[in-house]
Amino acid sequence: QVQLVESGGGLVQTGGSLRLSCAASGLPFSTYAMAWFRQAPGKERDFVSAISQAGGTKHYADFVKGRFTIFRDNTKNTVYLQMNSLEPEDTAVYYCAATYRQSGLRSVEYDYWGQGTQVTVSS
């Protein structure tokens, strides 16, 4: 049974930082590309960032470039999202996702999803 469990969300002031973690189990983690998506209330789920199986290829949405960093530790079956310079517009539920294909930008490309972690940025 595949499980993706996100953690690290919370309430932070504008300009602050958070590090999200996603611990995976039940799948050969090092063979799966991983991604983060987010969904704000009343909006569609948006791509945030993705990382290839070995971590050599990374993709970022334009709205997070220079502020967020994705990385993974295959020895711990965990992918991370370091978020700096947070803005109120970053408020959303952040989801972790996994795919055995190449890391993509579309949610339909991902096979497994976590339950999400809430990030709230106050102004």
C-alpha atoms as a PDB file:
ATOM      1  CA  GLN A   1       0.000   0.000   0.000  1.00  0.00           C
ATOM      2  CA  VAL A   2       1.501   3.249  -1.158  1.00  0.00           C
ATOM      3  CA  GLN A   3       1.450   6.142   1.269  1.00  0.00           C
ATOM      4  CA  LEU A   4       2.677   9.697   0.866  1.00  0.00           C
ATOM      5  CA  VAL A   5       2.568  11.687   4.079  1.00  0.00           C
ATOM      6  CA  GLU A   6       3.219  15.424   4.015  1.00  0.00           C
ATOM      7  CA  SER A   7       4.298  17.462   6.994  1.00  0.00           C
ATOM      8  CA  GLY A   8       5.799  20.844   7.799  1.00  0.00           C
ATOM      9  CA  GLY A   9       2.930  23.127   6.937  1.00  0.00           C
ATOM     10  CA  GLY A  10       1.716  25.842   9.242  1.00  0.00           C
ATOM     11  CA  LEU A  11       1.157  29.545   9.750  1.00  0.00           C
ATOM     12  CA  VAL A  12       3.955  31.941   8.868  1.00  0.00           C
ATOM     13  CA  GLN A  13       4.255  35.677   8.315  1.00  0.00           C
ATOM     14  CA  THR A  14       5.046  37.261   4.968  1.00  0.00           C
ATOM     15  CA  GLY A  15       8.710  36.843   4.193  1.00  0.00           C
ATOM     16  CA  GLY A  16       9.036  33.764   6.363  1.00  0.00           C
ATOM     17  CA  SER A  17      10.116  30.248   5.501  1.00  0.00           C
ATOM     18  CA  LEU A  18       8.807  26.726   5.801  1.00  0.00           C
ATOM     19  CA  ARG A  19      10.166  23.350   4.805  1.00  0.00           C
ATOM     20  CA  LEU A  20       7.658  20.752   3.699  1.00  0.00           C
ATOM     21  CA  SER A  21       8.458  17.061   3.822  1.00  0.00           C
ATOM     22  CA  CYS A  22       6.817  14.127   2.112  1.00  0.00           C
ATOM     23  CA  ALA A  23       7.642  10.676   3.409  1.00  0.00           C
ATOM     24  CA  ALA A  24       6.870   7.847   1.015  1.00  0.00           C
ATOM     25  CA  SER A  25       6.285   4.189   1.752  1.00  0.00           C
ATOM     26  CA  GLY A  26       5.098   1.168  -0.172  1.00  0.00           C
ATOM     27  CA  LEU A  27       6.896   2.046  -3.389  1.00  0.00           C
ATOM     28  CA  PRO A  28      10.475   1.893  -4.702  1.00  0.00           C
ATOM     29  CA  PHE A  29      11.065   5.563  -3.973  1.00  0.00           C
ATOM     30  CA  SER A  30      14.236   6.003  -5.977  1.00  0.00           C
ATOM     31  CA  THR A  31      12.424   4.933  -9.150  1.00  0.00           C
ATOM     32  CA  TYR A  32       9.672   7.530  -8.779  1.00  0.00           C
ATOM     33  CA  ALA A  33       9.751  11.139  -9.795  1.00  0.00           C
ATOM     34  CA  MET A  34       8.180  13.389  -7.191  1.00  0.00           C
ATOM     35  CA  ALA A  35       6.327  16.660  -7.290  1.00  0.00           C
ATOM     36  CA  TRP A  36       4.574  19.267  -5.235  1.00  0.00           C
ATOM     37  CA  PHE A  37       1.255  20.806  -6.209  1.00  0.00           C
ATOM     38  CA  ARG A  38      -0.886  23.294  -4.357  1.00  0.00           C
ATOM     39  CA  GLN A  39      -4.534  24.235  -4.228  1.00  0.00           C
ATOM     40  CA  ALA A  40      -5.933  27.440  -2.829  1.00  0.00           C
ATOM     41  CA  PRO A  41      -9.603  27.707  -1.823  1.00  0.00           C
ATOM     42  CA  GLY A  42     -11.836  27.980  -4.855  1.00  0.00           C
ATOM     43  CA  LYS A  43      -8.959  27.453  -7.276  1.00  0.00           C
ATOM     44  CA  GLU A  44      -7.588  24.607  -9.334  1.00  0.00           C
ATOM     45  CA  ARG A  45      -4.650  22.504  -8.227  1.00  0.00           C
ATOM     46  CA  ASP A  46      -1.462  24.077  -9.554  1.00  0.00           C
ATOM     47  CA  PHE A  47       1.946  22.613 -10.244  1.00  0.00           C
ATOM     48  CA  VAL A  48       4.667  23.947  -7.944  1.00  0.00           C
ATOM     49  CA  SER A  49       7.797  21.865  -8.475  1.00  0.00           C
ATOM     50  CA  ALA A  50       9.023  18.450  -9.571  1.00  0.00           C
ATOM     51  CA  ILE A  51      12.197  16.434  -9.269  1.00  0.00           C
ATOM     52  CA  SER A  52      13.456  13.454 -11.211  1.00  0.00           C
ATOM     53  CA  GLN A  53      14.204  10.060  -9.729  1.00  0.00           C
ATOM     54  CA  ALA A  54      17.876  10.755  -9.018  1.00  0.00           C
ATOM     55  CA  GLY A  55      17.338  14.442  -8.345  1.00  0.00           C
ATOM     56  CA  GLY A  56      19.279  15.697 -11.307  1.00  0.00           C
ATOM     57  CA  THR A  57      16.357  17.376 -13.050  1.00  0.00           C
ATOM     58  CA  LYS A  58      14.106  19.902 -11.357  1.00  0.00           C
ATOM     59  CA  HIS A  59      11.187  21.951 -12.594  1.00  0.00           C
ATOM     60  CA  TYR A  60       9.588  24.978 -10.981  1.00  0.00           C
ATOM     61  CA  ALA A  61       6.487  27.015 -11.638  1.00  0.00           C
ATOM     62  CA  ASP A  62       7.326  30.575 -12.601  1.00  0.00           C
ATOM     63  CA  PHE A  63       5.681  31.959  -9.497  1.00  0.00           C
ATOM     64  CA  VAL A  64       8.101  30.135  -7.162  1.00  0.00           C
ATOM     65  CA  LYS A  65      11.376  30.359  -9.049  1.00  0.00           C
ATOM     66  CA  GLY A  66      14.118  31.737  -6.848  1.00  0.00           C
ATOM     67  CA  ARG A  67      12.049  31.276  -3.699  1.00  0.00           C
ATOM     68  CA  PHE A  68      11.350  27.527  -3.473  1.00  0.00           C
ATOM     69  CA  THR A  69      13.772  24.623  -3.727  1.00  0.00           C
ATOM     70  CA  ILE A  70      12.867  20.980  -4.188  1.00  0.00           C
ATOM     71  CA  PHE A  71      15.232  18.211  -3.153  1.00  0.00           C
ATOM     72  CA  ARG A  72      15.060  14.591  -2.152  1.00  0.00           C
ATOM     73  CA  ASP A  73      16.839  12.062   0.006  1.00  0.00           C
ATOM     74  CA  ASN A  74      16.432   8.606  -1.478  1.00  0.00           C
ATOM     75  CA  THR A  75      17.975   7.020   1.602  1.00  0.00           C
ATOM     76  CA  LYS A  76      15.083   8.403   3.648  1.00  0.00           C
ATOM     77  CA  ASN A  77      12.356   7.993   1.010  1.00  0.00           C
ATOM     78  CA  THR A  78      11.559  11.657   1.450  1.00  0.00           C
ATOM     79  CA  VAL A  79      11.141  14.665  -0.796  1.00  0.00           C
ATOM     80  CA  TYR A  80      11.300  18.203   0.513  1.00  0.00           C
ATOM     81  CA  LEU A  81      10.164  21.644  -0.525  1.00  0.00           C
ATOM     82  CA  GLN A  82      12.083  24.522   1.011  1.00  0.00           C
ATOM     83  CA  MET A  83       9.949  27.633   0.773  1.00  0.00           C
ATOM     84  CA  ASN A  84      11.494  31.045   1.397  1.00  0.00           C
ATOM     85  CA  SER A  85      10.186  34.600   1.029  1.00  0.00           C
ATOM     86  CA  LEU A  86       6.647  33.386   1.442  1.00  0.00           C
ATOM     87  CA  GLU A  87       3.804  35.605   0.330  1.00  0.00           C
ATOM     88  CA  PRO A  88       0.104  35.562   1.183  1.00  0.00           C
ATOM     89  CA  GLU A  89      -0.517  34.285  -2.362  1.00  0.00           C
ATOM     90  CA  ASP A  90       1.328  31.106  -1.392  1.00  0.00           C
ATOM     91  CA  THR A  91      -1.453  30.195   1.022  1.00  0.00           C
ATOM     92  CA  ALA A  92      -2.808  26.817  -0.059  1.00  0.00           C
ATOM     93  CA  VAL A  93      -2.917  23.139   0.698  1.00  0.00           C
ATOM     94  CA  TYR A  94       0.312  21.604  -0.596  1.00  0.00           C
ATOM     95  CA  TYR A  95       0.227  18.096  -1.990  1.00  0.00           C
ATOM     96  CA  CYS A  96       3.003  15.641  -2.662  1.00  0.00           C
ATOM     97  CA  ALA A  97       2.709  13.354  -5.691  1.00  0.00           C
ATOM     98  CA  ALA A  98       4.644  10.469  -7.213  1.00  0.00           C
ATOM     99  CA  THR A  99       4.984   9.048 -10.720  1.00  0.00           C
ATOM    100  CA  TYR A 100       7.068   6.263 -12.185  1.00  0.00           C
ATOM    101  CA  ARG A 101       7.285   8.262 -15.429  1.00  0.00           C
ATOM    102  CA  GLN A 102       9.507  11.238 -16.041  1.00  0.00           C
ATOM    103  CA  SER A 103       8.819  14.204 -13.789  1.00  0.00           C
ATOM    104  CA  GLY A 104       6.024  16.227 -15.378  1.00  0.00           C
ATOM    105  CA  LEU A 105       4.082  19.379 -14.805  1.00  0.00           C
ATOM    106  CA  ARG A 106       0.547  18.042 -15.038  1.00  0.00           C
ATOM    107  CA  SER A 107      -1.363  16.456 -12.185  1.00  0.00           C
ATOM    108  CA  VAL A 108      -2.727  13.719 -14.472  1.00  0.00           C
ATOM    109  CA  GLU A 109       0.813  12.391 -14.879  1.00  0.00           C
ATOM    110  CA  TYR A 110       1.037  11.447 -11.207  1.00  0.00           C
ATOM    111  CA  ASP A 111      -0.104   8.126  -9.813  1.00  0.00           C
ATOM    112  CA  TYR A 112      -0.073   8.652  -6.077  1.00  0.00           C
ATOM    113  CA  TRP A 113      -0.980  11.592  -3.880  1.00  0.00           C
ATOM    114  CA  GLY A 114      -0.654  12.575  -0.268  1.00  0.00           C
ATOM    115  CA  GLN A 115      -3.424  14.064   1.839  1.00  0.00           C
ATOM    116  CA  GLY A 116      -1.938  17.549   1.806  1.00  0.00           C
ATOM    117  CA  THR A 117      -0.579  19.982   4.345  1.00  0.00           C
ATOM    118  CA  GLN A 118      -1.922  23.479   4.913  1.00  0.00           C
ATOM    119  CA  VAL A 119       0.349  26.470   4.445  1.00  0.00           C
ATOM    120  CA  THR A 120      -0.990  29.838   5.536  1.00  0.00           C
ATOM    121  CA  VAL A 121       0.953  33.049   5.032  1.00  0.00           C
ATOM    122  CA  SER A 122      -0.307  36.063   6.931  1.00  0.00           C
ATOM    123  CA  SER A 123       0.181  39.601   5.678  1.00  0.00           C
END
